[in-house]
């Protein structure tokens, strides 16, 4: 199967999982932050290949929604959210890698 179909199928599954989890958590900035940190930690722990990594976890996490929510927020909230996302996601990846 071509690589783009493998990654695309994984991304579709990841996006559905993100949508369902975000909806269950009430949507908004905090659930997306938690989802992005979780996705980063899973990436660090499993170091998955194209289907699970680029596909599923790439679809599960969301930079586009992060950018949209940040652009709609007051600058102080946006700054705090950007810092929390950077620190949380890098920290999540490193923690996942360390637990490996």
PDB file of N, CA and C in Angstrom:
ATOM      1  N   UNK A   1       0.862  -1.182   0.000  1.00  0.00           N
ATOM      2  CA  UNK A   1       0.000   0.000   0.000  1.00  0.00           C
ATOM      3  C   UNK A   1       0.904   1.239   0.000  1.00  0.00           C
ATOM      4  N   UNK A   2       0.572   2.256  -0.793  1.00  0.00           N
ATOM      5  CA  UNK A   2       1.383   3.476  -0.830  1.00  0.00           C
ATOM      6  C   UNK A   2       1.432   4.168   0.542  1.00  0.00           C
ATOM      7  N   UNK A   3       2.597   4.739   0.834  1.00  0.00           N
ATOM      8  CA  UNK A   3       2.828   5.388   2.137  1.00  0.00           C
ATOM      9  C   UNK A   3       1.787   6.470   2.431  1.00  0.00           C
ATOM     10  N   UNK A   4       1.406   7.258   1.423  1.00  0.00           N
ATOM     11  CA  UNK A   4       0.454   8.337   1.679  1.00  0.00           C
ATOM     12  C   UNK A   4      -0.907   7.797   2.105  1.00  0.00           C
ATOM     13  N   UNK A   5      -1.288   6.612   1.645  1.00  0.00           N
ATOM     14  CA  UNK A   5      -2.560   6.019   2.077  1.00  0.00           C
ATOM     15  C   UNK A   5      -2.463   5.504   3.510  1.00  0.00           C
ATOM     16  N   UNK A   6      -1.319   4.948   3.856  1.00  0.00           N
ATOM     17  CA  UNK A   6      -1.094   4.452   5.217  1.00  0.00           C
ATOM     18  C   UNK A   6      -1.162   5.617   6.207  1.00  0.00           C
ATOM     19  N   UNK A   7      -0.420   6.684   5.904  1.00  0.00           N
ATOM     20  CA  UNK A   7      -0.407   7.857   6.788  1.00  0.00           C
ATOM     21  C   UNK A   7      -1.782   8.519   6.822  1.00  0.00           C
ATOM     22  N   UNK A   8      -2.441   8.633   5.671  1.00  0.00           N
ATOM     23  CA  UNK A   8      -3.765   9.256   5.610  1.00  0.00           C
ATOM     24  C   UNK A   8      -4.806   8.489   6.404  1.00  0.00           C
ATOM     25  N   UNK A   9      -4.751   7.161   6.326  1.00  0.00           N
ATOM     26  CA  UNK A   9      -5.691   6.345   7.103  1.00  0.00           C
ATOM     27  C   UNK A   9      -5.453   6.534   8.595  1.00  0.00           C
ATOM     28  N   UNK A  10      -4.185   6.565   8.987  1.00  0.00           N
ATOM     29  CA  UNK A  10      -3.860   6.793  10.402  1.00  0.00           C
ATOM     30  C   UNK A  10      -4.313   8.168  10.861  1.00  0.00           C
ATOM     31  N   UNK A  11      -4.101   9.187  10.020  1.00  0.00           N
ATOM     32  CA  UNK A  11      -4.495  10.550  10.377  1.00  0.00           C
ATOM     33  C   UNK A  11      -6.013  10.656  10.562  1.00  0.00           C
ATOM     34  N   UNK A  12      -6.754   9.960   9.721  1.00  0.00           N
ATOM     35  CA  UNK A  12      -8.212   9.971   9.856  1.00  0.00           C
ATOM     36  C   UNK A  12      -8.629   9.364  11.197  1.00  0.00           C
ATOM     37  N   UNK A  13      -8.011   8.263  11.574  1.00  0.00           N
ATOM     38  CA  UNK A  13      -8.328   7.634  12.866  1.00  0.00           C
ATOM     39  C   UNK A  13      -7.951   8.543  14.033  1.00  0.00           C
ATOM     40  N   UNK A  14      -6.785   9.160  13.934  1.00  0.00           N
ATOM     41  CA  UNK A  14      -6.338  10.060  14.995  1.00  0.00           C
ATOM     42  C   UNK A  14      -7.245  11.272  15.145  1.00  0.00           C
ATOM     43  N   UNK A  15      -7.689  11.830  14.027  1.00  0.00           N
ATOM     44  CA  UNK A  15      -8.567  12.999  14.073  1.00  0.00           C
ATOM     45  C   UNK A  15      -9.918  12.650  14.699  1.00  0.00           C
ATOM     46  N   UNK A  16     -10.435  11.480  14.379  1.00  0.00           N
ATOM     47  CA  UNK A  16     -11.699  11.041  14.987  1.00  0.00           C
ATOM     48  C   UNK A  16     -11.514  10.855  16.487  1.00  0.00           C
ATOM     49  N   UNK A  17     -10.408  10.244  16.889  1.00  0.00           N
ATOM     50  CA  UNK A  17     -10.135  10.053  18.321  1.00  0.00           C
ATOM     51  C   UNK A  17     -10.025  11.399  19.034  1.00  0.00           C
ATOM     52  N   UNK A  18      -9.337  12.366  18.408  1.00  0.00           N
ATOM     53  CA  UNK A  18      -9.209  13.697  19.013  1.00  0.00           C
ATOM     54  C   UNK A  18     -10.576  14.350  19.152  1.00  0.00           C
ATOM     55  N   UNK A  19     -11.372  14.276  18.120  1.00  0.00           N
ATOM     56  CA  UNK A  19     -12.706  14.883  18.153  1.00  0.00           C
ATOM     57  C   UNK A  19     -13.542  14.288  19.291  1.00  0.00           C
ATOM     58  N   UNK A  20     -13.556  12.967  19.383  1.00  0.00           N
ATOM     59  CA  UNK A  20     -14.365  12.312  20.405  1.00  0.00           C
ATOM     60  C   UNK A  20     -13.875  12.644  21.817  1.00  0.00           C
ATOM     61  N   UNK A  21     -12.564  12.613  22.011  1.00  0.00           N
ATOM     62  CA  UNK A  21     -12.025  12.926  23.335  1.00  0.00           C
ATOM     63  C   UNK A  21     -12.254  14.394  23.678  1.00  0.00           C
ATOM     64  N   UNK A  22     -12.038  15.277  22.720  1.00  0.00           N
ATOM     65  CA  UNK A  22     -12.262  16.699  22.962  1.00  0.00           C
ATOM     66  C   UNK A  22     -13.734  16.975  23.297  1.00  0.00           C
ATOM     67  N   UNK A  23     -14.629  16.348  22.561  1.00  0.00           N
ATOM     68  CA  UNK A  23     -16.062  16.515  22.833  1.00  0.00           C
ATOM     69  C   UNK A  23     -16.424  15.980  24.218  1.00  0.00           C
ATOM     70  N   UNK A  24     -15.834  14.851  24.590  1.00  0.00           N
ATOM     71  CA  UNK A  24     -16.105  14.270  25.907  1.00  0.00           C
ATOM     72  C   UNK A  24     -15.591  15.170  27.028  1.00  0.00           C
ATOM     73  N   UNK A  25     -14.508  15.907  26.751  1.00  0.00           N
ATOM     74  CA  UNK A  25     -13.923  16.790  27.762  1.00  0.00           C
ATOM     75  C   UNK A  25     -14.490  18.211  27.706  1.00  0.00           C
ATOM     76  N   UNK A  26     -15.411  18.470  26.797  1.00  0.00           N
ATOM     77  CA  UNK A  26     -16.066  19.762  26.730  1.00  0.00           C
ATOM     78  C   UNK A  26     -15.483  20.735  25.722  1.00  0.00           C
ATOM     79  N   UNK A  27     -14.451  20.353  24.998  1.00  0.00           N
ATOM     80  CA  UNK A  27     -13.860  21.207  23.971  1.00  0.00           C
ATOM     81  C   UNK A  27     -13.142  22.412  24.555  1.00  0.00           C
ATOM     82  N   UNK A  28     -12.490  23.162  23.694  1.00  0.00           N
ATOM     83  CA  UNK A  28     -11.805  24.369  24.127  1.00  0.00           C
ATOM     84  C   UNK A  28     -10.312  24.191  24.305  1.00  0.00           C
ATOM     85  N   UNK A  29      -9.715  25.171  24.942  1.00  0.00           N
ATOM     86  CA  UNK A  29      -8.265  25.226  25.059  1.00  0.00           C
ATOM     87  C   UNK A  29      -7.676  24.141  25.959  1.00  0.00           C
ATOM     88  N   UNK A  30      -8.237  23.946  27.123  1.00  0.00           N
ATOM     89  CA  UNK A  30      -7.651  22.987  28.062  1.00  0.00           C
ATOM     90  C   UNK A  30      -7.695  21.555  27.537  1.00  0.00           C
ATOM     91  N   UNK A  31      -8.818  21.067  27.024  1.00  0.00           N
ATOM     92  CA  UNK A  31      -8.812  19.712  26.469  1.00  0.00           C
ATOM     93  C   UNK A  31      -7.803  19.547  25.324  1.00  0.00           C
ATOM     94  N   UNK A  32      -7.701  20.556  24.458  1.00  0.00           N
ATOM     95  CA  UNK A  32      -6.737  20.448  23.366  1.00  0.00           C
ATOM     96  C   UNK A  32      -5.313  20.429  23.898  1.00  0.00           C
ATOM     97  N   UNK A  33      -5.024  21.219  24.910  1.00  0.00           N
ATOM     98  CA  UNK A  33      -3.698  21.205  25.522  1.00  0.00           C
ATOM     99  C   UNK A  33      -3.390  19.815  26.068  1.00  0.00           C
ATOM    100  N   UNK A  34      -4.328  19.220  26.768  1.00  0.00           N
ATOM    101  CA  UNK A  34      -4.128  17.878  27.323  1.00  0.00           C
ATOM    102  C   UNK A  34      -3.946  16.838  26.221  1.00  0.00           C
ATOM    103  N   UNK A  35      -4.716  16.951  25.154  1.00  0.00           N
ATOM    104  CA  UNK A  35      -4.605  16.026  24.026  1.00  0.00           C
ATOM    105  C   UNK A  35      -3.230  16.160  23.369  1.00  0.00           C
ATOM    106  N   UNK A  36      -2.778  17.384  23.151  1.00  0.00           N
ATOM    107  CA  UNK A  36      -1.479  17.595  22.524  1.00  0.00           C
ATOM    108  C   UNK A  36      -0.332  17.096  23.394  1.00  0.00           C
ATOM    109  N   UNK A  37      -0.437  17.279  24.692  1.00  0.00           N
ATOM    110  CA  UNK A  37       0.593  16.770  25.603  1.00  0.00           C
ATOM    111  C   UNK A  37       0.576  15.244  25.613  1.00  0.00           C
ATOM    112  N   UNK A  38      -0.610  14.653  25.668  1.00  0.00           N
ATOM    113  CA  UNK A  38      -0.722  13.191  25.630  1.00  0.00           C
ATOM    114  C   UNK A  38      -0.131  12.634  24.335  1.00  0.00           C
ATOM    115  N   UNK A  39      -0.482  13.246  23.203  1.00  0.00           N
ATOM    116  CA  UNK A  39       0.057  12.803  21.920  1.00  0.00           C
ATOM    117  C   UNK A  39       1.572  12.905  21.866  1.00  0.00           C
ATOM    118  N   UNK A  40       2.122  13.971  22.426  1.00  0.00           N
ATOM    119  CA  UNK A  40       3.571  14.146  22.464  1.00  0.00           C
ATOM    120  C   UNK A  40       4.228  13.087  23.352  1.00  0.00           C
ATOM    121  N   UNK A  41       3.614  12.806  24.493  1.00  0.00           N
ATOM    122  CA  UNK A  41       4.157  11.783  25.395  1.00  0.00           C
ATOM    123  C   UNK A  41       4.121  10.402  24.736  1.00  0.00           C
ATOM    124  N   UNK A  42       3.037  10.098  24.050  1.00  0.00           N
ATOM    125  CA  UNK A  42       2.943   8.808  23.356  1.00  0.00           C
ATOM    126  C   UNK A  42       3.979   8.706  22.243  1.00  0.00           C
ATOM    127  N   UNK A  43       4.219   9.812  21.555  1.00  0.00           N
ATOM    128  CA  UNK A  43       5.232   9.832  20.500  1.00  0.00           C
ATOM    129  C   UNK A  43       6.615   9.567  21.103  1.00  0.00           C
ATOM    130  N   UNK A  44       6.909  10.188  22.219  1.00  0.00           N
ATOM    131  CA  UNK A  44       8.196   9.980  22.874  1.00  0.00           C
ATOM    132  C   UNK A  44       8.359   8.563  23.404  1.00  0.00           C
ATOM    133  N   UNK A  45       7.291   8.000  23.933  1.00  0.00           N
ATOM    134  CA  UNK A  45       7.375   6.665  24.510  1.00  0.00           C
ATOM    135  C   UNK A  45       7.483   5.574  23.444  1.00  0.00           C
ATOM    136  N   UNK A  46       6.625   5.643  22.446  1.00  0.00           N
ATOM    137  CA  UNK A  46       6.558   4.562  21.461  1.00  0.00           C
ATOM    138  C   UNK A  46       7.454   4.768  20.236  1.00  0.00           C
ATOM    139  N   UNK A  47       7.783   6.019  19.936  1.00  0.00           N
ATOM    140  CA  UNK A  47       8.537   6.333  18.714  1.00  0.00           C
ATOM    141  C   UNK A  47       7.987   5.544  17.524  1.00  0.00           C
ATOM    142  N   UNK A  48       6.725   5.763  17.238  1.00  0.00           N
ATOM    143  CA  UNK A  48       6.049   4.949  16.235  1.00  0.00           C
ATOM    144  C   UNK A  48       6.460   5.276  14.803  1.00  0.00           C
ATOM    145  N   UNK A  49       6.127   4.364  13.917  1.00  0.00           N
ATOM    146  CA  UNK A  49       6.388   4.522  12.493  1.00  0.00           C
ATOM    147  C   UNK A  49       5.356   5.406  11.819  1.00  0.00           C
ATOM    148  N   UNK A  50       5.310   5.373  10.490  1.00  0.00           N
ATOM    149  CA  UNK A  50       4.442   6.282   9.733  1.00  0.00           C
ATOM    150  C   UNK A  50       2.952   6.173  10.059  1.00  0.00           C
ATOM    151  N   UNK A  51       2.405   4.966  10.168  1.00  0.00           N
ATOM    152  CA  UNK A  51       0.966   4.838  10.426  1.00  0.00           C
ATOM    153  C   UNK A  51       0.610   5.404  11.800  1.00  0.00           C
ATOM    154  N   UNK A  52       1.292   4.923  12.845  1.00  0.00           N
ATOM    155  CA  UNK A  52       0.953   5.342  14.204  1.00  0.00           C
ATOM    156  C   UNK A  52       1.494   6.729  14.549  1.00  0.00           C
ATOM    157  N   UNK A  53       2.673   7.065  14.062  1.00  0.00           N
ATOM    158  CA  UNK A  53       3.296   8.344  14.412  1.00  0.00           C
ATOM    159  C   UNK A  53       2.771   9.504  13.601  1.00  0.00           C
ATOM    160  N   UNK A  54       3.202   9.566  12.341  1.00  0.00           N
ATOM    161  CA  UNK A  54       2.777  10.656  11.465  1.00  0.00           C
ATOM    162  C   UNK A  54       1.273  10.607  11.260  1.00  0.00           C
ATOM    163  N   UNK A  55       0.721   9.412  11.132  1.00  0.00           N
ATOM    164  CA  UNK A  55      -0.703   9.253  10.880  1.00  0.00           C
ATOM    165  C   UNK A  55      -1.566   9.463  12.108  1.00  0.00           C
ATOM    166  N   UNK A  56      -1.655   8.444  12.943  1.00  0.00           N
ATOM    167  CA  UNK A  56      -2.587   8.479  14.078  1.00  0.00           C
ATOM    168  C   UNK A  56      -2.254   9.613  15.049  1.00  0.00           C
ATOM    169  N   UNK A  57      -1.016   9.665  15.536  1.00  0.00           N
ATOM    170  CA  UNK A  57      -0.687  10.710  16.511  1.00  0.00           C
ATOM    171  C   UNK A  57      -0.631  12.094  15.861  1.00  0.00           C
ATOM    172  N   UNK A  58      -0.253  12.154  14.598  1.00  0.00           N
ATOM    173  CA  UNK A  58      -0.301  13.431  13.884  1.00  0.00           C
ATOM    174  C   UNK A  58      -1.723  13.940  13.730  1.00  0.00           C
ATOM    175  N   UNK A  59      -2.659  13.028  13.500  1.00  0.00           N
ATOM    176  CA  UNK A  59      -4.073  13.402  13.415  1.00  0.00           C
ATOM    177  C   UNK A  59      -4.693  13.643  14.779  1.00  0.00           C
ATOM    178  N   UNK A  60      -4.183  12.943  15.789  1.00  0.00           N
ATOM    179  CA  UNK A  60      -4.708  13.073  17.149  1.00  0.00           C
ATOM    180  C   UNK A  60      -4.365  14.449  17.731  1.00  0.00           C
ATOM    181  N   UNK A  61      -3.141  14.891  17.535  1.00  0.00           N
ATOM    182  CA  UNK A  61      -2.745  16.213  18.003  1.00  0.00           C
ATOM    183  C   UNK A  61      -3.164  17.246  16.951  1.00  0.00           C
ATOM    184  N   UNK A  62      -3.221  18.500  17.332  1.00  0.00           N
ATOM    185  CA  UNK A  62      -3.695  19.497  16.374  1.00  0.00           C
ATOM    186  C   UNK A  62      -2.985  20.825  16.547  1.00  0.00           C
ATOM    187  N   UNK A  63      -2.201  21.192  15.551  1.00  0.00           N
ATOM    188  CA  UNK A  63      -1.608  22.521  15.538  1.00  0.00           C
ATOM    189  C   UNK A  63      -2.595  23.541  14.989  1.00  0.00           C
ATOM    190  N   UNK A  64      -3.416  23.125  14.042  1.00  0.00           N
ATOM    191  CA  UNK A  64      -4.369  24.060  13.432  1.00  0.00           C
ATOM    192  C   UNK A  64      -5.372  24.577  14.464  1.00  0.00           C
ATOM    193  N   UNK A  65      -5.921  23.694  15.271  1.00  0.00           N
ATOM    194  CA  UNK A  65      -6.869  24.127  16.296  1.00  0.00           C
ATOM    195  C   UNK A  65      -6.165  24.956  17.359  1.00  0.00           C
ATOM    196  N   UNK A  66      -4.940  24.558  17.705  1.00  0.00           N
ATOM    197  CA  UNK A  66      -4.121  25.338  18.633  1.00  0.00           C
ATOM    198  C   UNK A  66      -3.958  26.769  18.105  1.00  0.00           C
ATOM    199  N   UNK A  67      -3.596  26.912  16.822  1.00  0.00           N
ATOM    200  CA  UNK A  67      -3.400  28.238  16.225  1.00  0.00           C
ATOM    201  C   UNK A  67      -4.704  29.031  16.213  1.00  0.00           C
ATOM    202  N   UNK A  68      -5.804  28.380  15.885  1.00  0.00           N
ATOM    203  CA  UNK A  68      -7.099  29.061  15.863  1.00  0.00           C
ATOM    204  C   UNK A  68      -7.487  29.552  17.257  1.00  0.00           C
ATOM    205  N   UNK A  69      -7.405  28.672  18.242  1.00  0.00           N
ATOM    206  CA  UNK A  69      -7.783  29.061  19.599  1.00  0.00           C
ATOM    207  C   UNK A  69      -6.888  30.164  20.128  1.00  0.00           C
ATOM    208  N   UNK A  70      -5.607  30.094  19.794  1.00  0.00           N
ATOM    209  CA  UNK A  70      -4.671  31.129  20.238  1.00  0.00           C
ATOM    210  C   UNK A  70      -4.995  32.472  19.595  1.00  0.00           C
ATOM    211  N   UNK A  71      -5.335  32.453  18.321  1.00  0.00           N
ATOM    212  CA  UNK A  71      -5.621  33.712  17.614  1.00  0.00           C
ATOM    213  C   UNK A  71      -6.910  34.367  18.096  1.00  0.00           C
ATOM    214  N   UNK A  72      -7.800  33.590  18.664  1.00  0.00           N
ATOM    215  CA  UNK A  72      -9.085  34.112  19.141  1.00  0.00           C
ATOM    216  C   UNK A  72      -9.023  34.596  20.594  1.00  0.00           C
ATOM    217  N   UNK A  73      -7.937  34.298  21.289  1.00  0.00           N
ATOM    218  CA  UNK A  73      -7.841  34.615  22.718  1.00  0.00           C
ATOM    219  C   UNK A  73      -7.203  35.988  22.942  1.00  0.00           C
ATOM    220  N   UNK A  74      -7.470  36.553  24.098  1.00  0.00           N
ATOM    221  CA  UNK A  74      -6.787  37.777  24.521  1.00  0.00           C
ATOM    222  C   UNK A  74      -5.295  37.481  24.547  1.00  0.00           C
ATOM    223  N   UNK A  75      -4.459  38.474  24.298  1.00  0.00           N
ATOM    224  CA  UNK A  75      -3.027  38.223  24.146  1.00  0.00           C
ATOM    225  C   UNK A  75      -2.397  37.601  25.386  1.00  0.00           C
ATOM    226  N   UNK A  76      -2.886  37.934  26.569  1.00  0.00           N
ATOM    227  CA  UNK A  76      -2.295  37.348  27.776  1.00  0.00           C
ATOM    228  C   UNK A  76      -2.644  35.859  27.883  1.00  0.00           C
ATOM    229  N   UNK A  77      -3.869  35.523  27.549  1.00  0.00           N
ATOM    230  CA  UNK A  77      -4.293  34.119  27.549  1.00  0.00           C
ATOM    231  C   UNK A  77      -3.552  33.360  26.456  1.00  0.00           C
ATOM    232  N   UNK A  78      -3.434  33.984  25.277  1.00  0.00           N
ATOM    233  CA  UNK A  78      -2.727  33.353  24.158  1.00  0.00           C
ATOM    234  C   UNK A  78      -1.274  33.087  24.517  1.00  0.00           C
ATOM    235  N   UNK A  79      -0.613  34.038  25.138  1.00  0.00           N
ATOM    236  CA  UNK A  79       0.784  33.861  25.533  1.00  0.00           C
ATOM    237  C   UNK A  79       0.929  32.723  26.537  1.00  0.00           C
ATOM    238  N   UNK A  80       0.064  32.691  27.527  1.00  0.00           N
ATOM    239  CA  UNK A  80       0.110  31.609  28.519  1.00  0.00           C
ATOM    240  C   UNK A  80      -0.147  30.263  27.861  1.00  0.00           C
ATOM    241  N   UNK A  81      -1.078  30.236  26.914  1.00  0.00           N
ATOM    242  CA  UNK A  81      -1.417  28.991  26.220  1.00  0.00           C
ATOM    243  C   UNK A  81      -0.266  28.506  25.346  1.00  0.00           C
ATOM    244  N   UNK A  82       0.384  29.429  24.657  1.00  0.00           N
ATOM    245  CA  UNK A  82       1.543  29.068  23.832  1.00  0.00           C
ATOM    246  C   UNK A  82       2.648  28.508  24.711  1.00  0.00           C
ATOM    247  N   UNK A  83       2.941  29.175  25.805  1.00  0.00           N
ATOM    248  CA  UNK A  83       3.994  28.691  26.708  1.00  0.00           C
ATOM    249  C   UNK A  83       3.633  27.337  27.312  1.00  0.00           C
ATOM    250  N   UNK A  84       2.380  27.174  27.730  1.00  0.00           N
ATOM    251  CA  UNK A  84       1.945  25.898  28.298  1.00  0.00           C
ATOM    252  C   UNK A  84       2.035  24.786  27.263  1.00  0.00           C
ATOM    253  N   UNK A  85       1.706  25.099  26.016  1.00  0.00           N
ATOM    254  CA  UNK A  85       1.773  24.093  24.950  1.00  0.00           C
ATOM    255  C   UNK A  85       3.211  23.704  24.656  1.00  0.00           C
ATOM    256  N   UNK A  86       4.081  24.682  24.536  1.00  0.00           N
ATOM    257  CA  UNK A  86       5.490  24.370  24.244  1.00  0.00           C
ATOM    258  C   UNK A  86       6.110  23.568  25.379  1.00  0.00           C
ATOM    259  N   UNK A  87       5.957  24.061  26.595  1.00  0.00           N
ATOM    260  CA  UNK A  87       6.552  23.376  27.749  1.00  0.00           C
ATOM    261  C   UNK A  87       5.904  22.008  27.950  1.00  0.00           C
ATOM    262  N   UNK A  88       4.582  21.956  27.840  1.00  0.00           N
ATOM    263  CA  UNK A  88       3.869  20.698  28.055  1.00  0.00           C
ATOM    264  C   UNK A  88       4.191  19.647  27.007  1.00  0.00           C
ATOM    265  N   UNK A  89       4.209  20.039  25.741  1.00  0.00           N
ATOM    266  CA  UNK A  89       4.448  19.063  24.669  1.00  0.00           C
ATOM    267  C   UNK A  89       5.898  18.588  24.635  1.00  0.00           C
ATOM    268  N   UNK A  90       6.839  19.507  24.788  1.00  0.00           N
ATOM    269  CA  UNK A  90       8.248  19.094  24.840  1.00  0.00           C
ATOM    270  C   UNK A  90       8.480  18.251  26.089  1.00  0.00           C
ATOM    271  N   UNK A  91       7.926  18.692  27.204  1.00  0.00           N
ATOM    272  CA  UNK A  91       8.046  17.921  28.442  1.00  0.00           C
ATOM    273  C   UNK A  91       7.392  16.558  28.334  1.00  0.00           C
ATOM    274  N   UNK A  92       6.229  16.496  27.696  1.00  0.00           N
ATOM    275  CA  UNK A  92       5.542  15.219  27.502  1.00  0.00           C
ATOM    276  C   UNK A  92       6.358  14.266  26.652  1.00  0.00           C
ATOM    277  N   UNK A  93       6.935  14.787  25.566  1.00  0.00           N
ATOM    278  CA  UNK A  93       7.774  13.943  24.708  1.00  0.00           C
ATOM    279  C   UNK A  93       8.977  13.425  25.486  1.00  0.00           C
ATOM    280  N   UNK A  94       9.648  14.317  26.205  1.00  0.00           N
ATOM    281  CA  UNK A  94      10.838  13.906  26.965  1.00  0.00           C
ATOM    282  C   UNK A  94      10.490  12.919  28.072  1.00  0.00           C
ATOM    283  N   UNK A  95       9.356  13.131  28.728  1.00  0.00           N
ATOM    284  CA  UNK A  95       8.923  12.190  29.773  1.00  0.00           C
ATOM    285  C   UNK A  95       8.611  10.827  29.174  1.00  0.00           C
ATOM    286  N   UNK A  96       7.908  10.821  28.045  1.00  0.00           N
ATOM    287  CA  UNK A  96       7.617   9.552  27.370  1.00  0.00           C
ATOM    288  C   UNK A  96       8.889   8.845  26.957  1.00  0.00           C
ATOM    289  N   UNK A  97       9.842   9.596  26.432  1.00  0.00           N
ATOM    290  CA  UNK A  97      11.123   9.017  26.026  1.00  0.00           C
ATOM    291  C   UNK A  97      11.876   8.464  27.232  1.00  0.00           C
ATOM    292  N   UNK A  98      11.840   9.186  28.334  1.00  0.00           N
ATOM    293  CA  UNK A  98      12.547   8.757  29.554  1.00  0.00           C
ATOM    294  C   UNK A  98      11.913   7.489  30.142  1.00  0.00           C
ATOM    295  N   UNK A  99      10.594   7.356  30.053  1.00  0.00           N
ATOM    296  CA  UNK A  99       9.903   6.188  30.591  1.00  0.00           C
ATOM    297  C   UNK A  99      10.105   4.944  29.742  1.00  0.00           C
ATOM    298  N   UNK A 100      10.555   5.157  28.553  1.00  0.00           N
ATOM    299  CA  UNK A 100      10.739   4.071  27.596  1.00  0.00           C
ATOM    300  C   UNK A 100      11.684   3.037  28.080  1.00  0.00           C
TER     301      UNK A 100
END
